[in-house]
Amino acid sequence: MNNIAMHAANIYAYTIIATAIVIGLGAIGTAIGFGLLGGKFLESAARQPEMASMLQTKMFIVAAFVDAVTMIGIGIMIWFSTASPFVDALKTLMI
């Protein structure tokens, strides 16, 4: 195996490990965030039932933001896994 192929294989291996870590931590963070968000919504809706519809709207907006952060991270890691800019930079350096 030549030097470029060996370095490219290492980059792909480390990218797969990083992708697994980002997806796993993103899932854990989103699950914790949704759990806290849902619990606080239920507490506040139980205290003031007349405010439940307004609180529900705001809860869904915050839930979209919590989920969006994870989706952005997953999208970036999928991009790195399929078309790694690190391998392209390695190829230009070795030529």
PDB file of N, CA and C in Angstrom:
ATOM      1  N   MET A   1       0.854  -1.172   0.000  1.00  0.00           N
ATOM      2  CA  MET A   1       0.000   0.000   0.000  1.00  0.00           C
ATOM      3  C   MET A   1       0.902   1.238   0.000  1.00  0.00           C
ATOM      4  N   ASN A   2       0.611   2.145  -0.896  1.00  0.00           N
ATOM      5  CA  ASN A   2       1.473   3.326  -0.943  1.00  0.00           C
ATOM      6  C   ASN A   2       1.113   4.320   0.162  1.00  0.00           C
ATOM      7  N   ASN A   3       1.920   5.347   0.275  1.00  0.00           N
ATOM      8  CA  ASN A   3       1.812   6.293   1.381  1.00  0.00           C
ATOM      9  C   ASN A   3       0.498   7.071   1.361  1.00  0.00           C
ATOM     10  N   ILE A   4       0.067   7.516   0.178  1.00  0.00           N
ATOM     11  CA  ILE A   4      -1.175   8.292   0.084  1.00  0.00           C
ATOM     12  C   ILE A   4      -2.372   7.429   0.469  1.00  0.00           C
ATOM     13  N   ALA A   5      -2.399   6.207  -0.028  1.00  0.00           N
ATOM     14  CA  ALA A   5      -3.524   5.322   0.282  1.00  0.00           C
ATOM     15  C   ALA A   5      -3.580   4.998   1.766  1.00  0.00           C
ATOM     16  N   MET A   6      -2.416   4.838   2.392  1.00  0.00           N
ATOM     17  CA  MET A   6      -2.388   4.545   3.818  1.00  0.00           C
ATOM     18  C   MET A   6      -2.919   5.731   4.632  1.00  0.00           C
ATOM     19  N   HIS A   7      -2.501   6.931   4.270  1.00  0.00           N
ATOM     20  CA  HIS A   7      -2.989   8.117   4.982  1.00  0.00           C
ATOM     21  C   HIS A   7      -4.483   8.338   4.719  1.00  0.00           C
ATOM     22  N   ALA A   8      -4.920   8.099   3.488  1.00  0.00           N
ATOM     23  CA  ALA A   8      -6.344   8.246   3.176  1.00  0.00           C
ATOM     24  C   ALA A   8      -7.177   7.242   3.958  1.00  0.00           C
ATOM     25  N   ALA A   9      -6.691   6.014   4.088  1.00  0.00           N
ATOM     26  CA  ALA A   9      -7.411   5.003   4.866  1.00  0.00           C
ATOM     27  C   ALA A   9      -7.497   5.406   6.337  1.00  0.00           C
ATOM     28  N   ASN A  10      -6.419   5.970   6.861  1.00  0.00           N
ATOM     29  CA  ASN A  10      -6.450   6.451   8.251  1.00  0.00           C
ATOM     30  C   ASN A  10      -7.445   7.586   8.418  1.00  0.00           C
ATOM     31  N   ILE A  11      -7.478   8.497   7.455  1.00  0.00           N
ATOM     32  CA  ILE A  11      -8.430   9.618   7.542  1.00  0.00           C
ATOM     33  C   ILE A  11      -9.855   9.096   7.514  1.00  0.00           C
ATOM     34  N   TYR A  12     -10.151   8.136   6.622  1.00  0.00           N
ATOM     35  CA  TYR A  12     -11.502   7.582   6.573  1.00  0.00           C
ATOM     36  C   TYR A  12     -11.851   6.839   7.862  1.00  0.00           C
ATOM     37  N   ALA A  13     -10.902   6.123   8.426  1.00  0.00           N
ATOM     38  CA  ALA A  13     -11.166   5.394   9.675  1.00  0.00           C
ATOM     39  C   ALA A  13     -11.465   6.356  10.822  1.00  0.00           C
ATOM     40  N   TYR A  14     -10.663   7.406  10.936  1.00  0.00           N
ATOM     41  CA  TYR A  14     -10.899   8.384  11.999  1.00  0.00           C
ATOM     42  C   TYR A  14     -12.193   9.162  11.761  1.00  0.00           C
ATOM     43  N   THR A  15     -12.532   9.392  10.506  1.00  0.00           N
ATOM     44  CA  THR A  15     -13.787  10.082  10.193  1.00  0.00           C
ATOM     45  C   THR A  15     -14.979   9.227  10.595  1.00  0.00           C
ATOM     46  N   ILE A  16     -14.902   7.925  10.379  1.00  0.00           N
ATOM     47  CA  ILE A  16     -16.005   7.038  10.776  1.00  0.00           C
ATOM     48  C   ILE A  16     -16.151   7.014  12.297  1.00  0.00           C
ATOM     49  N   ILE A  17     -15.032   6.983  13.007  1.00  0.00           N
ATOM     50  CA  ILE A  17     -15.094   7.022  14.477  1.00  0.00           C
ATOM     51  C   ILE A  17     -15.688   8.340  14.954  1.00  0.00           C
ATOM     52  N   ALA A  18     -15.248   9.443  14.355  1.00  0.00           N
ATOM     53  CA  ALA A  18     -15.786  10.757  14.734  1.00  0.00           C
ATOM     54  C   ALA A  18     -17.273  10.854  14.409  1.00  0.00           C
ATOM     55  N   THR A  19     -17.689  10.285  13.278  1.00  0.00           N
ATOM     56  CA  THR A  19     -19.103  10.298  12.907  1.00  0.00           C
ATOM     57  C   THR A  19     -19.938   9.537  13.940  1.00  0.00           C
ATOM     58  N   ALA A  20     -19.453   8.396  14.369  1.00  0.00           N
ATOM     59  CA  ALA A  20     -20.180   7.620  15.372  1.00  0.00           C
ATOM     60  C   ALA A  20     -20.287   8.381  16.690  1.00  0.00           C
ATOM     61  N   ILE A  21     -19.221   9.064  17.072  1.00  0.00           N
ATOM     62  CA  ILE A  21     -19.242   9.837  18.319  1.00  0.00           C
ATOM     63  C   ILE A  21     -20.216  11.001  18.215  1.00  0.00           C
ATOM     64  N   VAL A  22     -20.185  11.725  17.088  1.00  0.00           N
ATOM     65  CA  VAL A  22     -21.072  12.882  16.924  1.00  0.00           C
ATOM     66  C   VAL A  22     -22.532  12.446  16.897  1.00  0.00           C
ATOM     67  N   ILE A  23     -22.831  11.377  16.188  1.00  0.00           N
ATOM     68  CA  ILE A  23     -24.221  10.922  16.127  1.00  0.00           C
ATOM     69  C   ILE A  23     -24.682  10.414  17.494  1.00  0.00           C
ATOM     70  N   GLY A  24     -23.825   9.680  18.190  1.00  0.00           N
ATOM     71  CA  GLY A  24     -24.190   9.174  19.513  1.00  0.00           C
ATOM     72  C   GLY A  24     -24.398  10.278  20.532  1.00  0.00           C
ATOM     73  N   LEU A  25     -23.452  11.207  20.593  1.00  0.00           N
ATOM     74  CA  LEU A  25     -23.599  12.311  21.551  1.00  0.00           C
ATOM     75  C   LEU A  25     -24.755  13.236  21.170  1.00  0.00           C
ATOM     76  N   GLY A  26     -24.969  13.411  19.872  1.00  0.00           N
ATOM     77  CA  GLY A  26     -26.111  14.217  19.441  1.00  0.00           C
ATOM     78  C   GLY A  26     -27.428  13.588  19.840  1.00  0.00           C
ATOM     79  N   ALA A  27     -27.516  12.282  19.713  1.00  0.00           N
ATOM     80  CA  ALA A  27     -28.745  11.585  20.107  1.00  0.00           C
ATOM     81  C   ALA A  27     -28.964  11.664  21.617  1.00  0.00           C
ATOM     82  N   ILE A  28     -27.891  11.502  22.382  1.00  0.00           N
ATOM     83  CA  ILE A  28     -28.013  11.595  23.840  1.00  0.00           C
ATOM     84  C   ILE A  28     -28.417  13.012  24.256  1.00  0.00           C
ATOM     85  N   GLY A  29     -27.765  14.007  23.662  1.00  0.00           N
ATOM     86  CA  GLY A  29     -28.095  15.393  23.999  1.00  0.00           C
ATOM     87  C   GLY A  29     -29.513  15.766  23.628  1.00  0.00           C
ATOM     88  N   THR A  30     -29.961  15.308  22.465  1.00  0.00           N
ATOM     89  CA  THR A  30     -31.332  15.597  22.046  1.00  0.00           C
ATOM     90  C   THR A  30     -32.336  14.896  22.952  1.00  0.00           C
ATOM     91  N   ALA A  31     -32.045  13.665  23.338  1.00  0.00           N
ATOM     92  CA  ALA A  31     -32.958  12.936  24.229  1.00  0.00           C
ATOM     93  C   ALA A  31     -33.069  13.626  25.590  1.00  0.00           C
ATOM     94  N   ILE A  32     -31.940  14.064  26.120  1.00  0.00           N
ATOM     95  CA  ILE A  32     -31.972  14.780  27.402  1.00  0.00           C
ATOM     96  C   ILE A  32     -32.721  16.101  27.256  1.00  0.00           C
ATOM     97  N   GLY A  33     -32.446  16.809  26.159  1.00  0.00           N
ATOM     98  CA  GLY A  33     -33.127  18.086  25.926  1.00  0.00           C
ATOM     99  C   GLY A  33     -34.626  17.931  25.799  1.00  0.00           C
ATOM    100  N   PHE A  34     -35.078  16.931  25.035  1.00  0.00           N
ATOM    101  CA  PHE A  34     -36.514  16.709  24.890  1.00  0.00           C
ATOM    102  C   PHE A  34     -37.149  16.259  26.199  1.00  0.00           C
ATOM    103  N   GLY A  35     -36.423  15.479  26.980  1.00  0.00           N
ATOM    104  CA  GLY A  35     -36.951  15.053  28.271  1.00  0.00           C
ATOM    105  C   GLY A  35     -37.158  16.227  29.217  1.00  0.00           C
ATOM    106  N   LEU A  36     -36.155  17.087  29.294  1.00  0.00           N
ATOM    107  CA  LEU A  36     -36.290  18.275  30.149  1.00  0.00           C
ATOM    108  C   LEU A  36     -37.374  19.216  29.631  1.00  0.00           C
ATOM    109  N   LEU A  37     -37.406  19.401  28.327  1.00  0.00           N
ATOM    110  CA  LEU A  37     -38.398  20.299  27.733  1.00  0.00           C
ATOM    111  C   LEU A  37     -39.815  19.795  27.977  1.00  0.00           C
ATOM    112  N   GLY A  38     -40.040  18.513  27.750  1.00  0.00           N
ATOM    113  CA  GLY A  38     -41.373  17.951  27.968  1.00  0.00           C
ATOM    114  C   GLY A  38     -41.789  17.984  29.428  1.00  0.00           C
ATOM    115  N   GLY A  39     -40.848  17.699  30.322  1.00  0.00           N
ATOM    116  CA  GLY A  39     -41.157  17.736  31.752  1.00  0.00           C
ATOM    117  C   GLY A  39     -41.518  19.134  32.228  1.00  0.00           C
ATOM    118  N   LYS A  40     -40.746  20.113  31.794  1.00  0.00           N
ATOM    119  CA  LYS A  40     -41.042  21.501  32.199  1.00  0.00           C
ATOM    120  C   LYS A  40     -42.359  21.986  31.599  1.00  0.00           C
ATOM    121  N   PHE A  41     -42.657  21.530  30.365  1.00  0.00           N
ATOM    122  CA  PHE A  41     -43.937  21.909  29.764  1.00  0.00           C
ATOM    123  C   PHE A  41     -45.101  21.333  30.562  1.00  0.00           C
ATOM    124  N   LEU A  42     -44.991  20.063  30.940  1.00  0.00           N
ATOM    125  CA  LEU A  42     -46.075  19.452  31.703  1.00  0.00           C
ATOM    126  C   LEU A  42     -46.249  20.102  33.074  1.00  0.00           C
ATOM    127  N   GLU A  43     -45.129  20.461  33.706  1.00  0.00           N
ATOM    128  CA  GLU A  43     -45.220  21.146  35.000  1.00  0.00           C
ATOM    129  C   GLU A  43     -45.913  22.491  34.868  1.00  0.00           C
ATOM    130  N   SER A  44     -45.514  23.261  33.866  1.00  0.00           N
ATOM    131  CA  SER A  44     -46.098  24.599  33.729  1.00  0.00           C
ATOM    132  C   SER A  44     -47.543  24.527  33.238  1.00  0.00           C
ATOM    133  N   ALA A  45     -47.878  23.542  32.418  1.00  0.00           N
ATOM    134  CA  ALA A  45     -49.272  23.398  31.982  1.00  0.00           C
ATOM    135  C   ALA A  45     -50.158  22.931  33.131  1.00  0.00           C
ATOM    136  N   ALA A  46     -49.607  22.168  34.063  1.00  0.00           N
ATOM    137  CA  ALA A  46     -50.398  21.731  35.218  1.00  0.00           C
ATOM    138  C   ALA A  46     -50.639  22.900  36.173  1.00  0.00           C
ATOM    139  N   ARG A  47     -49.654  23.807  36.269  1.00  0.00           N
ATOM    140  CA  ARG A  47     -49.818  24.966  37.151  1.00  0.00           C
ATOM    141  C   ARG A  47     -50.806  25.979  36.584  1.00  0.00           C
ATOM    142  N   GLN A  48     -50.710  26.223  35.274  1.00  0.00           N
ATOM    143  CA  GLN A  48     -51.582  27.216  34.638  1.00  0.00           C
ATOM    144  C   GLN A  48     -52.198  26.605  33.379  1.00  0.00           C
ATOM    145  N   PRO A  49     -53.279  25.884  33.502  1.00  0.00           N
ATOM    146  CA  PRO A  49     -53.891  25.209  32.351  1.00  0.00           C
ATOM    147  C   PRO A  49     -54.349  26.163  31.254  1.00  0.00           C
ATOM    148  N   GLU A  50     -54.693  27.394  31.626  1.00  0.00           N
ATOM    149  CA  GLU A  50     -55.154  28.352  30.607  1.00  0.00           C
ATOM    150  C   GLU A  50     -54.027  28.798  29.682  1.00  0.00           C
ATOM    151  N   MET A  51     -52.780  28.599  30.086  1.00  0.00           N
ATOM    152  CA  MET A  51     -51.630  28.994  29.269  1.00  0.00           C
ATOM    153  C   MET A  51     -51.088  27.828  28.430  1.00  0.00           C
ATOM    154  N   ALA A  52     -51.727  26.667  28.497  1.00  0.00           N
ATOM    155  CA  ALA A  52     -51.176  25.460  27.876  1.00  0.00           C
ATOM    156  C   ALA A  52     -51.001  25.603  26.365  1.00  0.00           C
ATOM    157  N   SER A  53     -51.954  26.216  25.668  1.00  0.00           N
ATOM    158  CA  SER A  53     -51.830  26.321  24.207  1.00  0.00           C
ATOM    159  C   SER A  53     -50.674  27.230  23.806  1.00  0.00           C
ATOM    160  N   MET A  54     -50.491  28.334  24.525  1.00  0.00           N
ATOM    161  CA  MET A  54     -49.372  29.229  24.217  1.00  0.00           C
ATOM    162  C   MET A  54     -48.034  28.554  24.553  1.00  0.00           C
ATOM    163  N   LEU A  55     -47.992  27.854  25.670  1.00  0.00           N
ATOM    164  CA  LEU A  55     -46.769  27.150  26.049  1.00  0.00           C
ATOM    165  C   LEU A  55     -46.444  26.015  25.076  1.00  0.00           C
ATOM    166  N   GLN A  56     -47.479  25.363  24.569  1.00  0.00           N
ATOM    167  CA  GLN A  56     -47.251  24.270  23.627  1.00  0.00           C
ATOM    168  C   GLN A  56     -46.625  24.793  22.333  1.00  0.00           C
ATOM    169  N   THR A  57     -47.077  25.930  21.862  1.00  0.00           N
ATOM    170  CA  THR A  57     -46.498  26.521  20.658  1.00  0.00           C
ATOM    171  C   THR A  57     -45.023  26.842  20.872  1.00  0.00           C
ATOM    172  N   LYS A  58     -44.719  27.451  22.001  1.00  0.00           N
ATOM    173  CA  LYS A  58     -43.323  27.778  22.291  1.00  0.00           C
ATOM    174  C   LYS A  58     -42.487  26.534  22.502  1.00  0.00           C
ATOM    175  N   MET A  59     -43.090  25.485  23.076  1.00  0.00           N
ATOM    176  CA  MET A  59     -42.353  24.239  23.279  1.00  0.00           C
ATOM    177  C   MET A  59     -41.970  23.617  21.943  1.00  0.00           C
ATOM    178  N   PHE A  60     -42.865  23.646  20.957  1.00  0.00           N
ATOM    179  CA  PHE A  60     -42.550  23.077  19.653  1.00  0.00           C
ATOM    180  C   PHE A  60     -41.468  23.877  18.933  1.00  0.00           C
ATOM    181  N   ILE A  61     -41.442  25.184  19.111  1.00  0.00           N
ATOM    182  CA  ILE A  61     -40.382  26.007  18.512  1.00  0.00           C
ATOM    183  C   ILE A  61     -39.032  25.651  19.120  1.00  0.00           C
ATOM    184  N   VAL A  62     -38.982  25.538  20.439  1.00  0.00           N
ATOM    185  CA  VAL A  62     -37.725  25.169  21.099  1.00  0.00           C
ATOM    186  C   VAL A  62     -37.326  23.741  20.729  1.00  0.00           C
ATOM    187  N   ALA A  63     -38.296  22.847  20.586  1.00  0.00           N
ATOM    188  CA  ALA A  63     -37.995  21.473  20.186  1.00  0.00           C
ATOM    189  C   ALA A  63     -37.384  21.436  18.788  1.00  0.00           C
ATOM    190  N   ALA A  64     -37.839  22.300  17.911  1.00  0.00           N
ATOM    191  CA  ALA A  64     -37.254  22.361  16.568  1.00  0.00           C
ATOM    192  C   ALA A  64     -35.800  22.817  16.635  1.00  0.00           C
ATOM    193  N   PHE A  65     -35.501  23.771  17.498  1.00  0.00           N
ATOM    194  CA  PHE A  65     -34.117  24.232  17.640  1.00  0.00           C
ATOM    195  C   PHE A  65     -33.226  23.147  18.251  1.00  0.00           C
ATOM    196  N   VAL A  66     -33.749  22.428  19.226  1.00  0.00           N
ATOM    197  CA  VAL A  66     -32.969  21.348  19.849  1.00  0.00           C
ATOM    198  C   VAL A  66     -32.653  20.275  18.811  1.00  0.00           C
ATOM    199  N   ASP A  67     -33.632  19.930  18.003  1.00  0.00           N
ATOM    200  CA  ASP A  67     -33.434  18.897  16.992  1.00  0.00           C
ATOM    201  C   ASP A  67     -32.567  19.403  15.837  1.00  0.00           C
ATOM    202  N   ALA A  68     -32.650  20.676  15.522  1.00  0.00           N
ATOM    203  CA  ALA A  68     -31.880  21.231  14.400  1.00  0.00           C
ATOM    204  C   ALA A  68     -30.378  21.165  14.661  1.00  0.00           C
ATOM    205  N   VAL A  69     -29.967  21.385  15.887  1.00  0.00           N
ATOM    206  CA  VAL A  69     -28.534  21.336  16.206  1.00  0.00           C
ATOM    207  C   VAL A  69     -27.980  19.942  15.925  1.00  0.00           C
ATOM    208  N   THR A  70     -28.719  18.925  16.307  1.00  0.00           N
ATOM    209  CA  THR A  70     -28.290  17.554  16.067  1.00  0.00           C
ATOM    210  C   THR A  70     -28.279  17.237  14.578  1.00  0.00           C
ATOM    211  N   MET A  71     -29.287  17.681  13.848  1.00  0.00           N
ATOM    212  CA  MET A  71     -29.353  17.401  12.413  1.00  0.00           C
ATOM    213  C   MET A  71     -28.219  18.089  11.658  1.00  0.00           C
ATOM    214  N   ILE A  72     -27.836  19.280  12.070  1.00  0.00           N
ATOM    215  CA  ILE A  72     -26.713  19.966  11.432  1.00  0.00           C
ATOM    216  C   ILE A  72     -25.426  19.186  11.668  1.00  0.00           C
ATOM    217  N   GLY A  73     -25.217  18.732  12.883  1.00  0.00           N
ATOM    218  CA  GLY A  73     -24.028  17.925  13.183  1.00  0.00           C
ATOM    219  C   GLY A  73     -23.999  16.638  12.390  1.00  0.00           C
ATOM    220  N   ILE A  74     -25.128  15.962  12.278  1.00  0.00           N
ATOM    221  CA  ILE A  74     -25.193  14.724  11.506  1.00  0.00           C
ATOM    222  C   ILE A  74     -24.952  15.007  10.026  1.00  0.00           C
ATOM    223  N   GLY A  75     -25.510  16.089   9.527  1.00  0.00           N
ATOM    224  CA  GLY A  75     -25.290  16.434   8.120  1.00  0.00           C
ATOM    225  C   GLY A  75     -23.827  16.705   7.806  1.00  0.00           C
ATOM    226  N   ILE A  76     -23.153  17.415   8.683  1.00  0.00           N
ATOM    227  CA  ILE A  76     -21.734  17.696   8.475  1.00  0.00           C
ATOM    228  C   ILE A  76     -20.927  16.411   8.530  1.00  0.00           C
ATOM    229  N   MET A  77     -21.241  15.528   9.450  1.00  0.00           N
ATOM    230  CA  MET A  77     -20.482  14.287   9.557  1.00  0.00           C
ATOM    231  C   MET A  77     -20.749  13.357   8.369  1.00  0.00           C
ATOM    232  N   ILE A  78     -21.958  13.347   7.845  1.00  0.00           N
ATOM    233  CA  ILE A  78     -22.227  12.547   6.644  1.00  0.00           C
ATOM    234  C   ILE A  78     -21.468  13.124   5.458  1.00  0.00           C
ATOM    235  N   TRP A  79     -21.393  14.434   5.392  1.00  0.00           N
ATOM    236  CA  TRP A  79     -20.617  15.066   4.320  1.00  0.00           C
ATOM    237  C   TRP A  79     -19.153  14.663   4.423  1.00  0.00           C
ATOM    238  N   PHE A  80     -18.597  14.701   5.630  1.00  0.00           N
ATOM    239  CA  PHE A  80     -17.204  14.293   5.808  1.00  0.00           C
ATOM    240  C   PHE A  80     -17.011  12.811   5.494  1.00  0.00           C
ATOM    241  N   SER A  81     -18.010  11.991   5.760  1.00  0.00           N
ATOM    242  CA  SER A  81     -17.876  10.557   5.509  1.00  0.00           C
ATOM    243  C   SER A  81     -17.923  10.216   4.024  1.00  0.00           C
ATOM    244  N   THR A  82     -18.689  10.967   3.252  1.00  0.00           N
ATOM    245  CA  THR A  82     -18.842  10.626   1.843  1.00  0.00           C
ATOM    246  C   THR A  82     -17.854  11.354   0.943  1.00  0.00           C
ATOM    247  N   ALA A  83     -17.607  12.613   1.191  1.00  0.00           N
ATOM    248  CA  ALA A  83     -16.694  13.399   0.351  1.00  0.00           C
ATOM    249  C   ALA A  83     -15.770  14.182   1.273  1.00  0.00           C
ATOM    250  N   SER A  84     -14.813  13.496   1.839  1.00  0.00           N
ATOM    251  CA  SER A  84     -13.961  14.092   2.862  1.00  0.00           C
ATOM    252  C   SER A  84     -13.042  15.175   2.282  1.00  0.00           C
ATOM    253  N   PRO A  85     -13.128  16.385   2.792  1.00  0.00           N
ATOM    254  CA  PRO A  85     -12.201  17.426   2.329  1.00  0.00           C
ATOM    255  C   PRO A  85     -10.774  17.163   2.791  1.00  0.00           C
ATOM    256  N   PHE A  86     -10.619  16.346   3.824  1.00  0.00           N
ATOM    257  CA  PHE A  86      -9.279  16.029   4.318  1.00  0.00           C
ATOM    258  C   PHE A  86      -8.518  15.140   3.336  1.00  0.00           C
ATOM    259  N   VAL A  87      -9.228  14.198   2.706  1.00  0.00           N
ATOM    260  CA  VAL A  87      -8.584  13.335   1.721  1.00  0.00           C
ATOM    261  C   VAL A  87      -8.214  14.138   0.483  1.00  0.00           C
ATOM    262  N   ASP A  88      -9.087  15.057   0.075  1.00  0.00           N
ATOM    263  CA  ASP A  88      -8.771  15.910  -1.070  1.00  0.00           C
ATOM    264  C   ASP A  88      -7.546  16.770  -0.797  1.00  0.00           C
ATOM    265  N   ALA A  89      -7.451  17.309   0.418  1.00  0.00           N
ATOM    266  CA  ALA A  89      -6.283  18.107   0.768  1.00  0.00           C
ATOM    267  C   ALA A  89      -5.026  17.239   0.780  1.00  0.00           C
ATOM    268  N   LEU A  90      -5.144  16.011   1.239  1.00  0.00           N
ATOM    269  CA  LEU A  90      -4.001  15.093   1.234  1.00  0.00           C
ATOM    270  C   LEU A  90      -3.540  14.797  -0.197  1.00  0.00           C
ATOM    271  N   LYS A  91      -4.491  14.591  -1.093  1.00  0.00           N
ATOM    272  CA  LYS A  91      -4.140  14.301  -2.473  1.00  0.00           C
ATOM    273  C   LYS A  91      -3.442  15.486  -3.130  1.00  0.00           C
ATOM    274  N   THR A  92      -3.893  16.702  -2.838  1.00  0.00           N
ATOM    275  CA  THR A  92      -3.216  17.872  -3.434  1.00  0.00           C
ATOM    276  C   THR A  92      -1.839  18.091  -2.850  1.00  0.00           C
ATOM    277  N   LEU A  93      -1.647  17.737  -1.585  1.00  0.00           N
ATOM    278  CA  LEU A  93      -0.325  17.885  -0.975  1.00  0.00           C
ATOM    279  C   LEU A  93       0.668  16.861  -1.506  1.00  0.00           C
ATOM    280  N   MET A  94       0.195  15.668  -1.813  1.00  0.00           N
ATOM    281  CA  MET A  94       1.092  14.597  -2.227  1.00  0.00           C
ATOM    282  C   MET A  94       1.438  14.651  -3.719  1.00  0.00           C
ATOM    283  N   ILE A  95       0.693  15.410  -4.477  1.00  0.00           N
ATOM    284  CA  ILE A  95       0.958  15.479  -5.925  1.00  0.00           C
ATOM    285  C   ILE A  95       2.099  16.412  -6.229  1.00  0.00           C
TER     286      ILE A  95
END
